[in-house]
Amino acid sequence: MNDMRQMTALGRSIEDGSFAIIDQEAAPFNHPPREWQVVRRIIHATADFEYKTLATLHPEAVDSGIRALRGGCNVIVDVKMITAGLNQDRLDAYGCTIASYISDPDVIEVAKANNSTRGIESIRKAHRLGKLDGSVIAIGNAPTALLEVVRLIREENARPALIIGVPVGFVSAAESKEEVLKLDVPYIVTRGRKGGSPIAVAIIHALLLLSTEKPS
């Protein structure tokens, strides 16, 4: 595994300084230490302290996500913007595979034919291919994709290791996250309308960094 932090002394000092400011300005916070590392990386990516309260983590989310990544899981994302933001070297070290099907021609064709959305059909394709069970699913833009994940868990017994549900938007974004909160599957969500691909990337990178720590 390569070094998970900034590569230069100056870069590290800037990052450390940023996190120190976040810790100081966000205090007090109720998240346990490892959860806080996830939440503060979201704040670091957005400069938005509202995520201190918007970020909601299932009690098993961090452990389940780390186990899945260490085990070389599939990382299923809704949009390629998330893929572009992830550090491939970090994922390759564990043998993880990133997949986004939203731009696949067959997904687009089926979405048009069924008056569906590409988000929905991309998640259905991932399920047909057997990619969802044991996976980390990261949804940053498409609420309909997140709602389809919820449906597949409830109706077809899909079992991802972790749902990162952070779609941004005004139609169904907040509602899709509330549905995730009702599941018995580990999740990390940002409640309300706020979210986006950079937040999904920040969460996965936080988990990758935590995955390099020795068990206490």
N, C-alpha and C. Protein backbone atom coordinates (compact mmCIF):
# COMPACT_ATOMS: atom_id res chain seq x y z
N MET A 1 0.84 -1.20 0.00
CA MET A 1 0.00 0.00 0.00
C MET A 1 0.87 1.24 0.00
N ASN A 2 0.60 2.16 -0.95
CA ASN A 2 1.36 3.40 -0.98
C ASN A 2 0.92 4.32 0.14
N ASP A 3 1.73 5.36 0.38
CA ASP A 3 1.41 6.34 1.41
C ASP A 3 0.05 6.96 1.09
N MET A 4 -0.83 7.01 2.11
CA MET A 4 -2.19 7.47 1.88
C MET A 4 -2.33 8.98 2.04
N ARG A 5 -1.28 9.66 2.48
CA ARG A 5 -1.40 11.08 2.75
C ARG A 5 -0.70 11.90 1.67
N GLN A 6 -0.67 13.23 1.88
CA GLN A 6 0.01 14.11 0.93
C GLN A 6 1.46 13.68 0.75
N MET A 7 1.98 13.87 -0.44
CA MET A 7 3.28 13.32 -0.80
C MET A 7 4.45 14.21 -0.43
N THR A 8 4.22 15.49 -0.13
CA THR A 8 5.31 16.39 0.21
C THR A 8 5.11 16.93 1.62
N ALA A 9 6.20 17.40 2.22
CA ALA A 9 6.12 17.95 3.57
C ALA A 9 5.20 19.16 3.61
N LEU A 10 5.29 20.02 2.60
CA LEU A 10 4.41 21.19 2.57
C LEU A 10 2.95 20.77 2.43
N GLY A 11 2.71 19.81 1.56
CA GLY A 11 1.34 19.33 1.38
C GLY A 11 0.77 18.77 2.67
N ARG A 12 1.58 18.00 3.38
CA ARG A 12 1.12 17.43 4.65
C ARG A 12 0.86 18.52 5.68
N SER A 13 1.72 19.53 5.71
CA SER A 13 1.53 20.59 6.69
C SER A 13 0.24 21.36 6.42
N ILE A 14 -0.07 21.58 5.15
CA ILE A 14 -1.31 22.27 4.79
C ILE A 14 -2.51 21.42 5.19
N GLU A 15 -2.46 20.13 4.86
CA GLU A 15 -3.57 19.24 5.21
C GLU A 15 -3.74 19.15 6.72
N ASP A 16 -2.65 18.99 7.44
CA ASP A 16 -2.73 18.93 8.90
C ASP A 16 -3.30 20.22 9.47
N GLY A 17 -2.89 21.36 8.90
CA GLY A 17 -3.42 22.63 9.36
C GLY A 17 -4.90 22.76 9.10
N SER A 18 -5.34 22.27 7.95
CA SER A 18 -6.77 22.31 7.63
C SER A 18 -7.58 21.48 8.61
N PHE A 19 -7.10 20.28 8.90
CA PHE A 19 -7.83 19.42 9.84
C PHE A 19 -7.83 20.01 11.24
N ALA A 20 -6.75 20.66 11.63
CA ALA A 20 -6.70 21.30 12.95
C ALA A 20 -7.74 22.42 13.05
N ILE A 21 -7.88 23.19 11.99
CA ILE A 21 -8.89 24.25 11.96
C ILE A 21 -10.29 23.65 12.04
N ILE A 22 -10.52 22.58 11.29
CA ILE A 22 -11.83 21.93 11.31
C ILE A 22 -12.15 21.42 12.72
N ASP A 23 -11.18 20.75 13.34
CA ASP A 23 -11.40 20.22 14.69
C ASP A 23 -11.73 21.34 15.66
N GLN A 24 -11.04 22.46 15.54
CA GLN A 24 -11.25 23.57 16.45
C GLN A 24 -12.61 24.23 16.23
N GLU A 25 -12.96 24.48 14.97
CA GLU A 25 -14.19 25.20 14.69
C GLU A 25 -15.43 24.32 14.80
N ALA A 26 -15.26 23.02 14.64
CA ALA A 26 -16.41 22.11 14.71
C ALA A 26 -16.71 21.67 16.13
N ALA A 27 -15.77 21.85 17.04
CA ALA A 27 -15.97 21.38 18.42
C ALA A 27 -17.12 22.15 19.08
N PRO A 28 -17.90 21.44 19.93
CA PRO A 28 -17.81 20.00 20.21
C PRO A 28 -18.57 19.19 19.15
N PHE A 29 -18.15 17.94 18.97
CA PHE A 29 -18.86 17.06 18.05
C PHE A 29 -19.05 15.71 18.72
N ASN A 30 -20.11 15.04 18.32
CA ASN A 30 -20.51 13.80 19.01
C ASN A 30 -20.09 12.54 18.29
N HIS A 31 -19.45 12.66 17.15
CA HIS A 31 -19.06 11.46 16.41
C HIS A 31 -17.89 10.76 17.09
N PRO A 32 -17.92 9.43 17.18
CA PRO A 32 -16.75 8.69 17.66
C PRO A 32 -15.53 8.98 16.78
N PRO A 33 -14.32 8.72 17.30
CA PRO A 33 -13.11 9.14 16.59
C PRO A 33 -13.01 8.71 15.14
N ARG A 34 -13.29 7.44 14.84
CA ARG A 34 -13.13 7.01 13.44
C ARG A 34 -14.23 7.59 12.55
N GLU A 35 -15.45 7.71 13.09
CA GLU A 35 -16.52 8.36 12.33
C GLU A 35 -16.16 9.81 12.05
N TRP A 36 -15.56 10.46 13.04
CA TRP A 36 -15.20 11.86 12.86
C TRP A 36 -14.18 12.03 11.75
N GLN A 37 -13.29 11.06 11.57
CA GLN A 37 -12.33 11.16 10.47
C GLN A 37 -13.04 11.17 9.12
N VAL A 38 -14.15 10.45 9.03
CA VAL A 38 -14.95 10.48 7.80
C VAL A 38 -15.65 11.82 7.65
N VAL A 39 -16.29 12.26 8.71
CA VAL A 39 -17.08 13.50 8.65
C VAL A 39 -16.18 14.70 8.39
N ARG A 40 -15.04 14.77 9.06
CA ARG A 40 -14.20 15.95 8.86
C ARG A 40 -13.56 15.96 7.48
N ARG A 41 -13.40 14.80 6.86
CA ARG A 41 -12.90 14.80 5.48
C ARG A 41 -13.97 15.33 4.54
N ILE A 42 -15.25 15.07 4.85
CA ILE A 42 -16.33 15.69 4.07
C ILE A 42 -16.26 17.21 4.22
N ILE A 43 -16.10 17.67 5.45
CA ILE A 43 -16.00 19.12 5.69
C ILE A 43 -14.77 19.68 4.98
N HIS A 44 -13.68 18.95 5.02
CA HIS A 44 -12.45 19.37 4.34
C HIS A 44 -12.68 19.53 2.85
N ALA A 45 -13.49 18.66 2.25
CA ALA A 45 -13.74 18.69 0.81
C ALA A 45 -14.71 19.79 0.40
N THR A 46 -15.49 20.29 1.37
CA THR A 46 -16.57 21.21 1.04
C THR A 46 -16.48 22.56 1.73
N ALA A 47 -15.67 22.66 2.80
CA ALA A 47 -15.62 23.85 3.65
C ALA A 47 -17.01 24.18 4.20
N ASP A 48 -17.81 23.16 4.44
CA ASP A 48 -19.19 23.34 4.90
C ASP A 48 -19.38 22.59 6.21
N PHE A 49 -19.45 23.35 7.31
CA PHE A 49 -19.55 22.73 8.63
C PHE A 49 -20.95 22.16 8.91
N GLU A 50 -21.90 22.44 8.05
CA GLU A 50 -23.22 21.86 8.25
C GLU A 50 -23.18 20.34 8.15
N TYR A 51 -22.18 19.81 7.47
CA TYR A 51 -22.08 18.35 7.35
C TYR A 51 -21.79 17.68 8.70
N LYS A 52 -21.39 18.45 9.67
CA LYS A 52 -21.20 17.87 11.01
C LYS A 52 -22.48 17.25 11.51
N THR A 53 -23.61 17.86 11.16
CA THR A 53 -24.91 17.31 11.58
C THR A 53 -25.62 16.56 10.46
N LEU A 54 -25.34 16.91 9.21
CA LEU A 54 -26.01 16.23 8.10
C LEU A 54 -25.49 14.81 7.90
N ALA A 55 -24.21 14.59 8.16
CA ALA A 55 -23.62 13.27 7.96
C ALA A 55 -24.14 12.30 9.02
N THR A 56 -24.70 11.20 8.56
CA THR A 56 -25.29 10.20 9.44
C THR A 56 -24.71 8.84 9.09
N LEU A 57 -24.11 8.18 10.08
CA LEU A 57 -23.42 6.92 9.83
C LEU A 57 -24.06 5.80 10.64
N HIS A 58 -24.35 4.71 9.98
CA HIS A 58 -24.77 3.48 10.65
C HIS A 58 -23.65 3.04 11.59
N PRO A 59 -23.98 2.48 12.76
CA PRO A 59 -22.92 2.10 13.71
C PRO A 59 -21.86 1.16 13.14
N GLU A 60 -22.23 0.36 12.13
CA GLU A 60 -21.28 -0.59 11.56
C GLU A 60 -20.67 -0.09 10.24
N ALA A 61 -20.97 1.16 9.86
CA ALA A 61 -20.58 1.63 8.53
C ALA A 61 -19.07 1.61 8.32
N VAL A 62 -18.32 2.17 9.25
CA VAL A 62 -16.87 2.27 9.06
C VAL A 62 -16.24 0.90 9.01
N ASP A 63 -16.58 0.04 9.96
CA ASP A 63 -15.99 -1.31 10.00
C ASP A 63 -16.35 -2.10 8.75
N SER A 64 -17.62 -2.03 8.34
CA SER A 64 -18.06 -2.80 7.18
C SER A 64 -17.39 -2.29 5.91
N GLY A 65 -17.29 -0.97 5.77
CA GLY A 65 -16.64 -0.42 4.60
C GLY A 65 -15.17 -0.79 4.52
N ILE A 66 -14.48 -0.73 5.65
CA ILE A 66 -13.06 -1.08 5.68
C ILE A 66 -12.86 -2.55 5.34
N ARG A 67 -13.67 -3.42 5.92
CA ARG A 67 -13.56 -4.85 5.63
C ARG A 67 -13.75 -5.12 4.14
N ALA A 68 -14.75 -4.47 3.56
CA ALA A 68 -15.04 -4.69 2.14
C ALA A 68 -13.88 -4.22 1.28
N LEU A 69 -13.35 -3.05 1.56
CA LEU A 69 -12.23 -2.53 0.77
C LEU A 69 -10.99 -3.40 0.92
N ARG A 70 -10.69 -3.78 2.14
CA ARG A 70 -9.53 -4.66 2.36
C ARG A 70 -9.69 -5.99 1.64
N GLY A 71 -10.94 -6.41 1.46
CA GLY A 71 -11.20 -7.69 0.80
C GLY A 71 -11.28 -7.59 -0.71
N GLY A 72 -11.02 -6.41 -1.26
CA GLY A 72 -11.03 -6.27 -2.71
C GLY A 72 -12.40 -6.21 -3.32
N CYS A 73 -13.31 -5.49 -2.70
CA CYS A 73 -14.70 -5.46 -3.13
C CYS A 73 -14.88 -4.69 -4.44
N ASN A 74 -16.05 -4.85 -5.04
CA ASN A 74 -16.47 -3.97 -6.12
C ASN A 74 -16.90 -2.64 -5.51
N VAL A 75 -16.52 -1.56 -6.17
CA VAL A 75 -16.98 -0.22 -5.80
C VAL A 75 -17.89 0.23 -6.93
N ILE A 76 -19.19 0.26 -6.66
CA ILE A 76 -20.19 0.59 -7.67
C ILE A 76 -20.58 2.05 -7.50
N VAL A 77 -20.41 2.86 -8.54
CA VAL A 77 -20.69 4.28 -8.45
C VAL A 77 -21.73 4.65 -9.50
N ASP A 78 -22.46 5.74 -9.22
CA ASP A 78 -23.50 6.12 -10.18
C ASP A 78 -22.93 6.90 -11.36
N VAL A 79 -21.94 7.74 -11.12
CA VAL A 79 -21.42 8.57 -12.21
C VAL A 79 -19.89 8.45 -12.28
N LYS A 80 -19.36 8.67 -13.47
CA LYS A 80 -17.93 8.53 -13.67
C LYS A 80 -17.12 9.64 -13.01
N MET A 81 -17.80 10.71 -12.60
CA MET A 81 -17.10 11.76 -11.88
C MET A 81 -16.50 11.22 -10.59
N ILE A 82 -17.19 10.28 -9.94
CA ILE A 82 -16.65 9.66 -8.74
C ILE A 82 -15.42 8.83 -9.10
N THR A 83 -15.54 8.07 -10.17
CA THR A 83 -14.40 7.27 -10.63
C THR A 83 -13.18 8.14 -10.86
N ALA A 84 -13.38 9.30 -11.50
CA ALA A 84 -12.28 10.20 -11.80
C ALA A 84 -11.63 10.75 -10.54
N GLY A 85 -12.42 10.90 -9.47
CA GLY A 85 -11.89 11.47 -8.24
C GLY A 85 -11.17 10.50 -7.34
N LEU A 86 -11.38 9.21 -7.53
CA LEU A 86 -10.78 8.20 -6.66
C LEU A 86 -9.34 7.91 -7.05
N ASN A 87 -8.55 7.59 -6.05
CA ASN A 87 -7.15 7.24 -6.27
C ASN A 87 -7.07 5.77 -6.63
N GLN A 88 -6.84 5.50 -7.91
CA GLN A 88 -6.84 4.12 -8.39
C GLN A 88 -5.75 3.29 -7.73
N ASP A 89 -4.59 3.88 -7.46
CA ASP A 89 -3.51 3.14 -6.82
C ASP A 89 -3.93 2.61 -5.46
N ARG A 90 -4.66 3.43 -4.72
CA ARG A 90 -5.12 3.01 -3.40
C ARG A 90 -6.06 1.82 -3.49
N LEU A 91 -6.97 1.85 -4.47
CA LEU A 91 -7.91 0.76 -4.64
C LEU A 91 -7.23 -0.48 -5.21
N ASP A 92 -6.30 -0.28 -6.13
CA ASP A 92 -5.58 -1.41 -6.72
C ASP A 92 -4.80 -2.20 -5.67
N ALA A 93 -4.33 -1.51 -4.65
CA ALA A 93 -3.55 -2.19 -3.61
C ALA A 93 -4.36 -3.29 -2.93
N TYR A 94 -5.67 -3.12 -2.88
CA TYR A 94 -6.54 -4.14 -2.28
C TYR A 94 -7.23 -5.01 -3.34
N GLY A 95 -7.06 -4.67 -4.61
CA GLY A 95 -7.73 -5.43 -5.66
C GLY A 95 -9.17 -5.01 -5.89
N CYS A 96 -9.52 -3.81 -5.48
CA CYS A 96 -10.88 -3.32 -5.69
C CYS A 96 -11.09 -2.91 -7.14
N THR A 97 -12.30 -3.12 -7.63
CA THR A 97 -12.67 -2.75 -8.99
C THR A 97 -13.77 -1.70 -8.94
N ILE A 98 -13.59 -0.60 -9.69
CA ILE A 98 -14.61 0.45 -9.77
C ILE A 98 -15.46 0.21 -11.01
N ALA A 99 -16.77 0.34 -10.85
CA ALA A 99 -17.67 0.16 -12.00
C ALA A 99 -18.76 1.22 -11.99
N SER A 100 -18.96 1.82 -13.16
CA SER A 100 -20.08 2.73 -13.39
C SER A 100 -20.71 2.35 -14.72
N TYR A 101 -22.00 2.06 -14.70
CA TYR A 101 -22.68 1.58 -15.90
C TYR A 101 -23.61 2.63 -16.51
N ILE A 102 -23.63 3.83 -15.96
CA ILE A 102 -24.66 4.80 -16.34
C ILE A 102 -24.54 5.27 -17.78
N SER A 103 -23.35 5.17 -18.36
CA SER A 103 -23.16 5.60 -19.75
C SER A 103 -23.09 4.45 -20.73
N ASP A 104 -23.34 3.23 -20.27
CA ASP A 104 -23.31 2.08 -21.16
C ASP A 104 -24.46 2.16 -22.17
N PRO A 105 -24.21 1.85 -23.43
CA PRO A 105 -25.27 1.96 -24.44
C PRO A 105 -26.52 1.15 -24.11
N ASP A 106 -26.34 -0.06 -23.57
CA ASP A 106 -27.52 -0.87 -23.25
C ASP A 106 -28.33 -0.26 -22.12
N VAL A 107 -27.66 0.37 -21.16
CA VAL A 107 -28.36 1.04 -20.07
C VAL A 107 -29.17 2.21 -20.61
N ILE A 108 -28.58 3.00 -21.48
CA ILE A 108 -29.28 4.14 -22.07
C ILE A 108 -30.48 3.67 -22.89
N GLU A 109 -30.28 2.60 -23.66
CA GLU A 109 -31.36 2.08 -24.51
C GLU A 109 -32.54 1.60 -23.66
N VAL A 110 -32.25 0.85 -22.61
CA VAL A 110 -33.33 0.34 -21.76
C VAL A 110 -34.03 1.47 -21.02
N ALA A 111 -33.27 2.44 -20.55
CA ALA A 111 -33.87 3.58 -19.86
C ALA A 111 -34.85 4.33 -20.76
N LYS A 112 -34.46 4.53 -22.03
CA LYS A 112 -35.35 5.19 -22.97
C LYS A 112 -36.59 4.35 -23.26
N ALA A 113 -36.39 3.06 -23.47
CA ALA A 113 -37.50 2.18 -23.82
C ALA A 113 -38.51 2.06 -22.68
N ASN A 114 -38.03 2.08 -21.43
CA ASN A 114 -38.90 1.88 -20.27
C ASN A 114 -39.35 3.19 -19.63
N ASN A 115 -38.97 4.32 -20.24
CA ASN A 115 -39.22 5.63 -19.62
C ASN A 115 -38.74 5.63 -18.17
N SER A 116 -37.55 5.07 -18.00
CA SER A 116 -36.90 4.96 -16.70
C SER A 116 -35.81 6.03 -16.62
N THR A 117 -34.82 5.82 -15.78
CA THR A 117 -33.65 6.69 -15.75
C THR A 117 -32.40 5.85 -15.92
N ARG A 118 -31.34 6.49 -16.38
CA ARG A 118 -30.07 5.77 -16.50
C ARG A 118 -29.56 5.33 -15.12
N GLY A 119 -29.85 6.14 -14.10
CA GLY A 119 -29.44 5.75 -12.75
C GLY A 119 -30.07 4.44 -12.32
N ILE A 120 -31.38 4.33 -12.52
CA ILE A 120 -32.08 3.10 -12.15
C ILE A 120 -31.52 1.91 -12.93
N GLU A 121 -31.43 2.06 -14.24
CA GLU A 121 -31.02 0.92 -15.07
C GLU A 121 -29.55 0.55 -14.84
N SER A 122 -28.72 1.51 -14.47
CA SER A 122 -27.32 1.17 -14.18
C SER A 122 -27.20 0.30 -12.94
N ILE A 123 -28.02 0.59 -11.93
CA ILE A 123 -28.00 -0.22 -10.72
C ILE A 123 -28.59 -1.61 -10.99
N ARG A 124 -29.62 -1.65 -11.81
CA ARG A 124 -30.19 -2.96 -12.18
C ARG A 124 -29.16 -3.80 -12.92
N LYS A 125 -28.39 -3.16 -13.79
CA LYS A 125 -27.35 -3.91 -14.51
C LYS A 125 -26.30 -4.44 -13.55
N ALA A 126 -25.89 -3.61 -12.60
CA ALA A 126 -24.91 -4.07 -11.61
C ALA A 126 -25.44 -5.27 -10.85
N HIS A 127 -26.72 -5.25 -10.53
CA HIS A 127 -27.32 -6.37 -9.80
C HIS A 127 -27.36 -7.62 -10.68
N ARG A 128 -27.75 -7.47 -11.95
CA ARG A 128 -27.78 -8.62 -12.86
C ARG A 128 -26.41 -9.25 -13.00
N LEU A 129 -25.39 -8.43 -12.98
CA LEU A 129 -24.02 -8.93 -13.12
C LEU A 129 -23.46 -9.49 -11.82
N GLY A 130 -24.24 -9.43 -10.75
CA GLY A 130 -23.80 -9.97 -9.47
C GLY A 130 -22.78 -9.10 -8.77
N LYS A 131 -22.80 -7.79 -9.03
CA LYS A 131 -21.79 -6.89 -8.49
C LYS A 131 -22.17 -6.23 -7.17
N LEU A 132 -23.42 -6.32 -6.75
CA LEU A 132 -23.85 -5.54 -5.60
C LEU A 132 -23.52 -6.20 -4.26
N ASP A 133 -23.66 -7.51 -4.17
CA ASP A 133 -23.44 -8.18 -2.89
C ASP A 133 -21.98 -8.01 -2.45
N GLY A 134 -21.80 -7.53 -1.23
CA GLY A 134 -20.47 -7.32 -0.69
C GLY A 134 -19.77 -6.08 -1.18
N SER A 135 -20.47 -5.26 -1.95
CA SER A 135 -19.84 -4.09 -2.57
C SER A 135 -19.94 -2.85 -1.68
N VAL A 136 -19.18 -1.85 -2.06
CA VAL A 136 -19.39 -0.48 -1.58
C VAL A 136 -20.08 0.26 -2.71
N ILE A 137 -21.29 0.73 -2.45
CA ILE A 137 -22.06 1.48 -3.44
C ILE A 137 -21.99 2.95 -3.09
N ALA A 138 -21.58 3.78 -4.04
CA ALA A 138 -21.45 5.21 -3.80
C ALA A 138 -22.31 5.98 -4.80
N ILE A 139 -23.35 6.63 -4.30
CA ILE A 139 -24.26 7.40 -5.13
C ILE A 139 -24.10 8.87 -4.78
N GLY A 140 -23.61 9.68 -5.73
CA GLY A 140 -23.37 11.08 -5.47
C GLY A 140 -24.27 12.03 -6.23
N ASN A 141 -24.93 11.54 -7.28
CA ASN A 141 -25.70 12.44 -8.13
C ASN A 141 -27.13 11.99 -8.44
N ALA A 142 -27.40 10.70 -8.42
CA ALA A 142 -28.66 10.19 -8.95
C ALA A 142 -29.54 9.61 -7.84
N PRO A 143 -30.50 10.38 -7.33
CA PRO A 143 -31.39 9.85 -6.31
C PRO A 143 -32.15 8.61 -6.76
N THR A 144 -32.51 8.54 -8.06
CA THR A 144 -33.24 7.37 -8.53
C THR A 144 -32.38 6.11 -8.43
N ALA A 145 -31.07 6.26 -8.60
CA ALA A 145 -30.17 5.11 -8.43
C ALA A 145 -30.17 4.65 -6.98
N LEU A 146 -30.17 5.60 -6.06
CA LEU A 146 -30.19 5.24 -4.63
C LEU A 146 -31.50 4.58 -4.26
N LEU A 147 -32.60 5.07 -4.79
CA LEU A 147 -33.89 4.44 -4.52
C LEU A 147 -33.95 3.04 -5.09
N GLU A 148 -33.29 2.81 -6.21
CA GLU A 148 -33.26 1.47 -6.78
C GLU A 148 -32.42 0.53 -5.92
N VAL A 149 -31.34 1.02 -5.35
CA VAL A 149 -30.57 0.22 -4.41
C VAL A 149 -31.46 -0.20 -3.24
N VAL A 150 -32.22 0.74 -2.71
CA VAL A 150 -33.14 0.44 -1.60
C VAL A 150 -34.13 -0.64 -2.02
N ARG A 151 -34.72 -0.49 -3.21
CA ARG A 151 -35.70 -1.48 -3.68
C ARG A 151 -35.09 -2.87 -3.81
N LEU A 152 -33.89 -2.94 -4.38
CA LEU A 152 -33.25 -4.24 -4.57
C LEU A 152 -32.91 -4.90 -3.25
N ILE A 153 -32.57 -4.12 -2.25
CA ILE A 153 -32.32 -4.68 -0.92
C ILE A 153 -33.60 -5.24 -0.33
N ARG A 154 -34.68 -4.49 -0.46
CA ARG A 154 -35.95 -4.90 0.14
C ARG A 154 -36.62 -6.03 -0.61
N GLU A 155 -36.57 -5.98 -1.93
CA GLU A 155 -37.36 -6.91 -2.72
C GLU A 155 -36.57 -8.08 -3.30
N GLU A 156 -35.26 -7.91 -3.50
CA GLU A 156 -34.47 -8.95 -4.15
C GLU A 156 -33.26 -9.37 -3.32
N ASN A 157 -33.24 -8.93 -2.06
CA ASN A 157 -32.24 -9.38 -1.10
C ASN A 157 -30.81 -9.05 -1.51
N ALA A 158 -30.63 -7.95 -2.22
CA ALA A 158 -29.26 -7.49 -2.49
C ALA A 158 -28.61 -7.12 -1.16
N ARG A 159 -27.32 -7.40 -1.04
CA ARG A 159 -26.64 -7.17 0.23
C ARG A 159 -25.27 -6.51 0.03
N PRO A 160 -25.26 -5.21 -0.23
CA PRO A 160 -23.97 -4.51 -0.27
C PRO A 160 -23.37 -4.43 1.12
N ALA A 161 -22.06 -4.25 1.16
CA ALA A 161 -21.39 -4.10 2.45
C ALA A 161 -21.60 -2.70 3.02
N LEU A 162 -21.72 -1.70 2.13
CA LEU A 162 -21.88 -0.32 2.57
C LEU A 162 -22.55 0.48 1.48
N ILE A 163 -23.53 1.29 1.87
CA ILE A 163 -24.13 2.26 0.97
C ILE A 163 -23.64 3.64 1.35
N ILE A 164 -23.03 4.33 0.40
CA ILE A 164 -22.68 5.74 0.57
C ILE A 164 -23.73 6.51 -0.24
N GLY A 165 -24.72 7.04 0.45
CA GLY A 165 -25.85 7.69 -0.20
C GLY A 165 -25.79 9.19 -0.02
N VAL A 166 -25.21 9.89 -0.98
CA VAL A 166 -25.02 11.33 -0.85
C VAL A 166 -25.43 12.09 -2.11
N PRO A 167 -26.54 11.70 -2.76
CA PRO A 167 -26.93 12.44 -3.96
C PRO A 167 -27.32 13.88 -3.63
N VAL A 168 -26.97 14.77 -4.52
CA VAL A 168 -27.30 16.18 -4.37
C VAL A 168 -28.52 16.49 -5.25
N GLY A 169 -29.37 17.40 -4.80
CA GLY A 169 -30.47 17.79 -5.68
C GLY A 169 -31.74 18.16 -4.96
N PHE A 170 -32.78 18.44 -5.78
CA PHE A 170 -34.03 18.94 -5.27
C PHE A 170 -35.19 17.95 -5.42
N VAL A 171 -35.07 17.00 -6.34
CA VAL A 171 -36.14 16.02 -6.57
C VAL A 171 -35.67 14.66 -6.07
N SER A 172 -36.24 14.22 -4.97
CA SER A 172 -36.03 12.89 -4.40
C SER A 172 -34.67 12.71 -3.73
N ALA A 173 -33.82 13.72 -3.71
CA ALA A 173 -32.51 13.54 -3.08
C ALA A 173 -32.66 13.31 -1.59
N ALA A 174 -33.33 14.21 -0.90
CA ALA A 174 -33.52 14.07 0.55
C ALA A 174 -34.33 12.82 0.86
N GLU A 175 -35.37 12.58 0.06
CA GLU A 175 -36.25 11.44 0.33
C GLU A 175 -35.52 10.10 0.16
N SER A 176 -34.65 10.02 -0.85
CA SER A 176 -33.93 8.76 -1.08
C SER A 176 -33.04 8.42 0.11
N LYS A 177 -32.43 9.44 0.71
CA LYS A 177 -31.55 9.21 1.85
C LYS A 177 -32.35 8.75 3.06
N GLU A 178 -33.54 9.30 3.24
CA GLU A 178 -34.37 8.88 4.37
C GLU A 178 -34.77 7.42 4.23
N GLU A 179 -34.96 6.95 3.01
CA GLU A 179 -35.28 5.53 2.80
C GLU A 179 -34.09 4.65 3.17
N VAL A 180 -32.89 5.11 2.87
CA VAL A 180 -31.69 4.34 3.24
C VAL A 180 -31.61 4.18 4.76
N LEU A 181 -31.97 5.23 5.49
CA LEU A 181 -31.88 5.19 6.94
C LEU A 181 -32.78 4.11 7.56
N LYS A 182 -33.75 3.64 6.81
CA LYS A 182 -34.66 2.61 7.30
C LYS A 182 -34.12 1.19 7.10
N LEU A 183 -33.01 1.05 6.40
CA LEU A 183 -32.48 -0.27 6.06
C LEU A 183 -31.64 -0.84 7.20
N ASP A 184 -31.43 -2.15 7.14
CA ASP A 184 -30.55 -2.82 8.10
C ASP A 184 -29.17 -3.08 7.50
N VAL A 185 -28.83 -2.33 6.44
CA VAL A 185 -27.53 -2.43 5.78
C VAL A 185 -26.70 -1.21 6.19
N PRO A 186 -25.40 -1.38 6.46
CA PRO A 186 -24.58 -0.22 6.83
C PRO A 186 -24.62 0.89 5.78
N TYR A 187 -24.67 2.13 6.25
CA TYR A 187 -24.79 3.26 5.35
C TYR A 187 -24.05 4.47 5.91
N ILE A 188 -23.69 5.35 4.98
CA ILE A 188 -23.25 6.70 5.30
C ILE A 188 -24.04 7.63 4.38
N VAL A 189 -24.84 8.52 4.96
CA VAL A 189 -25.64 9.43 4.16
C VAL A 189 -25.43 10.87 4.65
N THR A 190 -25.76 11.81 3.77
CA THR A 190 -25.83 13.22 4.16
C THR A 190 -27.28 13.65 3.99
N ARG A 191 -27.95 13.87 5.08
CA ARG A 191 -29.39 14.10 5.04
C ARG A 191 -29.68 15.45 4.37
N GLY A 192 -30.84 15.51 3.73
CA GLY A 192 -31.25 16.72 3.06
C GLY A 192 -30.81 16.78 1.61
N ARG A 193 -30.79 17.99 1.07
CA ARG A 193 -30.50 18.18 -0.35
C ARG A 193 -29.02 18.17 -0.68
N LYS A 194 -28.18 18.43 0.29
CA LYS A 194 -26.75 18.58 0.01
C LYS A 194 -26.08 17.23 -0.22
N GLY A 195 -25.04 17.27 -1.06
CA GLY A 195 -24.29 16.05 -1.34
C GLY A 195 -23.45 16.27 -2.59
N GLY A 196 -23.21 15.21 -3.33
CA GLY A 196 -22.47 15.30 -4.57
C GLY A 196 -21.30 14.35 -4.66
N SER A 197 -20.77 14.22 -5.86
CA SER A 197 -19.66 13.30 -6.11
C SER A 197 -18.43 13.59 -5.25
N PRO A 198 -18.04 14.86 -5.04
CA PRO A 198 -16.86 15.09 -4.20
C PRO A 198 -17.01 14.54 -2.79
N ILE A 199 -18.22 14.51 -2.29
CA ILE A 199 -18.45 13.97 -0.95
C ILE A 199 -18.30 12.46 -0.96
N ALA A 200 -18.84 11.81 -1.99
CA ALA A 200 -18.67 10.36 -2.11
C ALA A 200 -17.19 10.00 -2.17
N VAL A 201 -16.43 10.77 -2.95
CA VAL A 201 -14.99 10.54 -3.06
C VAL A 201 -14.30 10.73 -1.71
N ALA A 202 -14.67 11.80 -1.00
CA ALA A 202 -14.05 12.08 0.30
C ALA A 202 -14.31 10.94 1.28
N ILE A 203 -15.51 10.39 1.26
CA ILE A 203 -15.85 9.30 2.18
C ILE A 203 -15.03 8.06 1.88
N ILE A 204 -14.94 7.71 0.61
CA ILE A 204 -14.16 6.51 0.25
C ILE A 204 -12.69 6.71 0.59
N HIS A 205 -12.16 7.88 0.34
CA HIS A 205 -10.75 8.13 0.69
C HIS A 205 -10.54 8.09 2.20
N ALA A 206 -11.51 8.58 2.97
CA ALA A 206 -11.40 8.48 4.42
C ALA A 206 -11.35 7.03 4.86
N LEU A 207 -12.19 6.20 4.27
CA LEU A 207 -12.20 4.78 4.63
C LEU A 207 -10.90 4.10 4.21
N LEU A 208 -10.38 4.47 3.06
CA LEU A 208 -9.10 3.89 2.62
C LEU A 208 -7.98 4.28 3.58
N LEU A 209 -7.99 5.51 4.04
CA LEU A 209 -6.97 5.94 4.98
C LEU A 209 -7.12 5.17 6.29
N LEU A 210 -8.34 5.04 6.78
CA LEU A 210 -8.58 4.28 8.00
C LEU A 210 -8.19 2.82 7.85
N SER A 211 -8.32 2.30 6.63
CA SER A 211 -8.02 0.88 6.39
C SER A 211 -6.55 0.56 6.57
N THR A 212 -5.69 1.58 6.55
CA THR A 212 -4.25 1.34 6.69
C THR A 212 -3.83 1.33 8.17
N GLU A 213 -4.73 1.73 9.07
CA GLU A 213 -4.39 1.77 10.48
C GLU A 213 -4.41 0.36 11.06
N LYS A 214 -3.52 0.11 11.98
CA LYS A 214 -3.49 -1.17 12.66
C LYS A 214 -4.66 -1.26 13.63
N PRO A 215 -5.28 -2.45 13.75
CA PRO A 215 -6.37 -2.61 14.70
C PRO A 215 -5.91 -2.27 16.12
N SER A 216 -6.79 -1.60 16.87
CA SER A 216 -6.44 -1.22 18.24
C SER A 216 -6.58 -2.40 19.18
